[in-house]
C-alpha atoms as a PDB file:
ATOM      1  CA  MET A   1       8.380  17.971 -65.076  1.00  0.00           C
ATOM      2  CA  ARG A   2      11.658  16.116 -65.512  1.00  0.00           C
ATOM      3  CA  ILE A   3      15.128  17.215 -64.456  1.00  0.00           C
ATOM      4  CA  ALA A   4      17.205  18.345 -67.438  1.00  0.00           C
ATOM      5  CA  MET A   5      14.114  18.685 -69.553  1.00  0.00           C
ATOM      6  CA  ASP A   6      14.090  17.227 -73.037  1.00  0.00           C
ATOM      7  CA  TRP A   7      14.787  20.203 -75.293  1.00  0.00           C
ATOM      8  CA  ASP A   8      13.018  18.493 -78.187  1.00  0.00           C
ATOM      9  CA  GLY A   9       9.859  18.177 -76.127  1.00  0.00           C
ATOM     10  CA  TRP A  10       8.434  19.938 -73.108  1.00  0.00           C
ATOM     11  CA  GLY A  11      11.456  22.046 -72.208  1.00  0.00           C
ATOM     12  CA  ARG A  12      12.129  23.754 -75.504  1.00  0.00           C
ATOM     13  CA  ILE A  13       8.529  24.975 -75.686  1.00  0.00           C
ATOM     14  CA  ASN A  14       7.789  25.689 -72.054  1.00  0.00           C
ATOM     15  CA  MET A  15      11.025  27.332 -70.934  1.00  0.00           C
ATOM     16  CA  ASN A  16       9.477  30.516 -72.294  1.00  0.00           C
ATOM     17  CA  ASP A  17       6.036  30.036 -70.750  1.00  0.00           C
ATOM     18  CA  ALA A  18       6.312  28.148 -67.457  1.00  0.00           C
ATOM     19  CA  PRO A  19       6.734  30.270 -64.313  1.00  0.00           C
ATOM     20  CA  ALA A  20      10.414  30.861 -63.587  1.00  0.00           C
ATOM     21  CA  ALA A  21      10.006  29.568 -60.023  1.00  0.00           C
ATOM     22  CA  GLU A  22       8.574  26.269 -61.336  1.00  0.00           C
ATOM     23  CA  ILE A  23      11.486  25.809 -63.723  1.00  0.00           C
ATOM     24  CA  ALA A  24      13.968  26.739 -60.978  1.00  0.00           C
ATOM     25  CA  ALA A  25      12.440  24.229 -58.579  1.00  0.00           C
ATOM     26  CA  ASN A  26      12.724  21.538 -61.243  1.00  0.00           C
ATOM     27  CA  GLN A  27      16.253  22.397 -62.308  1.00  0.00           C
ATOM     28  CA  SER A  28      17.723  23.205 -58.888  1.00  0.00           C
ATOM     29  CA  PRO A  29      19.363  19.754 -58.488  1.00  0.00           C
ATOM     30  CA  LEU A  30      21.547  20.700 -61.464  1.00  0.00           C
ATOM     31  CA  PHE A  31      22.625  23.874 -59.611  1.00  0.00           C
ATOM     32  CA  PRO A  32      23.046  22.733 -55.985  1.00  0.00           C
ATOM     33  CA  ASP A  33      25.096  25.770 -54.944  1.00  0.00           C
ATOM     34  CA  ILE A  34      22.626  28.331 -56.326  1.00  0.00           C
ATOM     35  CA  ASP A  35      19.764  29.594 -54.166  1.00  0.00           C
ATOM     36  CA  LYS A  36      16.396  28.734 -55.773  1.00  0.00           C
ATOM     37  CA  ALA A  37      15.249  32.366 -55.632  1.00  0.00           C
ATOM     38  CA  VAL A  38      18.408  33.488 -57.432  1.00  0.00           C
ATOM     39  CA  LEU A  39      17.990  30.727 -60.006  1.00  0.00           C
ATOM     40  CA  ALA A  40      14.348  31.724 -60.554  1.00  0.00           C
ATOM     41  CA  SER A  41      15.375  35.356 -60.972  1.00  0.00           C
ATOM     42  CA  CYS A  42      17.996  34.411 -63.571  1.00  0.00           C
ATOM     43  CA  ILE A  43      15.538  32.215 -65.445  1.00  0.00           C
ATOM     44  CA  GLY A  44      12.949  34.999 -65.394  1.00  0.00           C
ATOM     45  CA  THR A  45      15.496  37.425 -66.819  1.00  0.00           C
ATOM     46  CA  TYR A  46      16.401  35.026 -69.616  1.00  0.00           C
ATOM     47  CA  GLN A  47      12.692  34.565 -70.377  1.00  0.00           C
ATOM     48  CA  LYS A  48      12.175  38.340 -70.625  1.00  0.00           C
ATOM     49  CA  LEU A  49      15.198  38.703 -72.877  1.00  0.00           C
ATOM     50  CA  GLY A  50      13.873  36.002 -75.207  1.00  0.00           C
ATOM     51  CA  CYS A  51      17.089  33.989 -74.979  1.00  0.00           C
ATOM     52  CA  TRP A  52      15.432  30.621 -75.478  1.00  0.00           C
ATOM     53  CA  THR A  53      13.989  29.949 -78.892  1.00  0.00           C
ATOM     54  CA  ARG A  54      11.298  27.403 -79.613  1.00  0.00           C
ATOM     55  CA  HIS A  55      13.470  25.834 -82.309  1.00  0.00           C
ATOM     56  CA  VAL A  56      16.861  24.143 -82.031  1.00  0.00           C
ATOM     57  CA  GLU A  57      18.475  25.594 -85.148  1.00  0.00           C
ATOM     58  CA  ILE A  58      21.075  28.329 -84.832  1.00  0.00           C
ATOM     59  CA  THR A  59      20.026  30.789 -87.497  1.00  0.00           C
ATOM     60  CA  PRO A  60      22.515  32.936 -89.413  1.00  0.00           C
ATOM     61  CA  GLN A  61      21.059  35.980 -87.647  1.00  0.00           C
ATOM     62  CA  ALA A  62      21.510  34.404 -84.207  1.00  0.00           C
ATOM     63  CA  LEU A  63      25.091  33.459 -85.025  1.00  0.00           C
ATOM     64  CA  ASP A  64      25.799  37.053 -86.088  1.00  0.00           C
ATOM     65  CA  VAL A  65      24.472  38.336 -82.751  1.00  0.00           C
ATOM     66  CA  VAL A  66      26.639  35.882 -80.808  1.00  0.00           C
ATOM     67  CA  MET A  67      29.707  36.868 -82.803  1.00  0.00           C
ATOM     68  CA  ASP A  68      28.888  40.572 -82.248  1.00  0.00           C
ATOM     69  CA  VAL A  69      28.812  39.991 -78.482  1.00  0.00           C
ATOM     70  CA  PHE A  70      32.099  38.082 -78.416  1.00  0.00           C
ATOM     71  CA  GLU A  71      33.661  40.648 -80.743  1.00  0.00           C
ATOM     72  CA  HIS A  72      32.522  43.484 -78.453  1.00  0.00           C
ATOM     73  CA  PHE A  73      34.297  41.875 -75.512  1.00  0.00           C
ATOM     74  CA  GLY A  74      37.424  41.178 -77.550  1.00  0.00           C
ATOM     75  CA  THR A  75      37.194  37.408 -77.346  1.00  0.00           C
ATOM     76  CA  LEU A  76      36.427  36.671 -81.008  1.00  0.00           C
ATOM     77  CA  LYS A  77      39.529  35.997 -83.084  1.00  0.00           C
ATOM     78  CA  GLY A  78      37.658  36.060 -86.389  1.00  0.00           C
ATOM     79  CA  ARG A  79      34.172  35.957 -87.864  1.00  0.00           C
ATOM     80  CA  TYR A  80      32.849  32.732 -89.327  1.00  0.00           C
ATOM     81  CA  ARG A  81      30.293  31.859 -91.947  1.00  0.00           C
ATOM     82  CA  HIS A  82      27.220  30.049 -90.689  1.00  0.00           C
ATOM     83  CA  ASP A  83      28.129  26.921 -92.675  1.00  0.00           C
ATOM     84  CA  GLN A  84      31.556  26.820 -91.009  1.00  0.00           C
ATOM     85  CA  VAL A  85      30.199  26.408 -87.486  1.00  0.00           C
ATOM     86  CA  CYS A  86      26.556  25.278 -87.689  1.00  0.00           C
ATOM     87  CA  VAL A  87      24.818  22.206 -89.006  1.00  0.00           C
ATOM     88  CA  ALA A  88      21.151  21.402 -89.338  1.00  0.00           C
ATOM     89  CA  PRO A  89      19.696  19.390 -86.457  1.00  0.00           C
ATOM     90  CA  PRO A  90      18.926  15.729 -87.081  1.00  0.00           C
ATOM     91  CA  GLU A  91      15.503  14.939 -88.465  1.00  0.00           C
END
């Protein structure tokens, strides 16, 4: 495993499947002030929530969810169309 895994390769696919402790051990140099057990717990929670998709595109549905969250907390000044804030990833 590499540090700061390539999201177009191993990382994007395996962040959902690799054991959280393995990912935490690999990524811990990027978070030197975070205990590895805490990092593993956070990663495991994100895995269970399904936060990491296997694709890089931000779908219109995903954008709506993000805007709903920010709107709920009062930090969204306005809603945006998908084409105003997202572009297709490079080929």
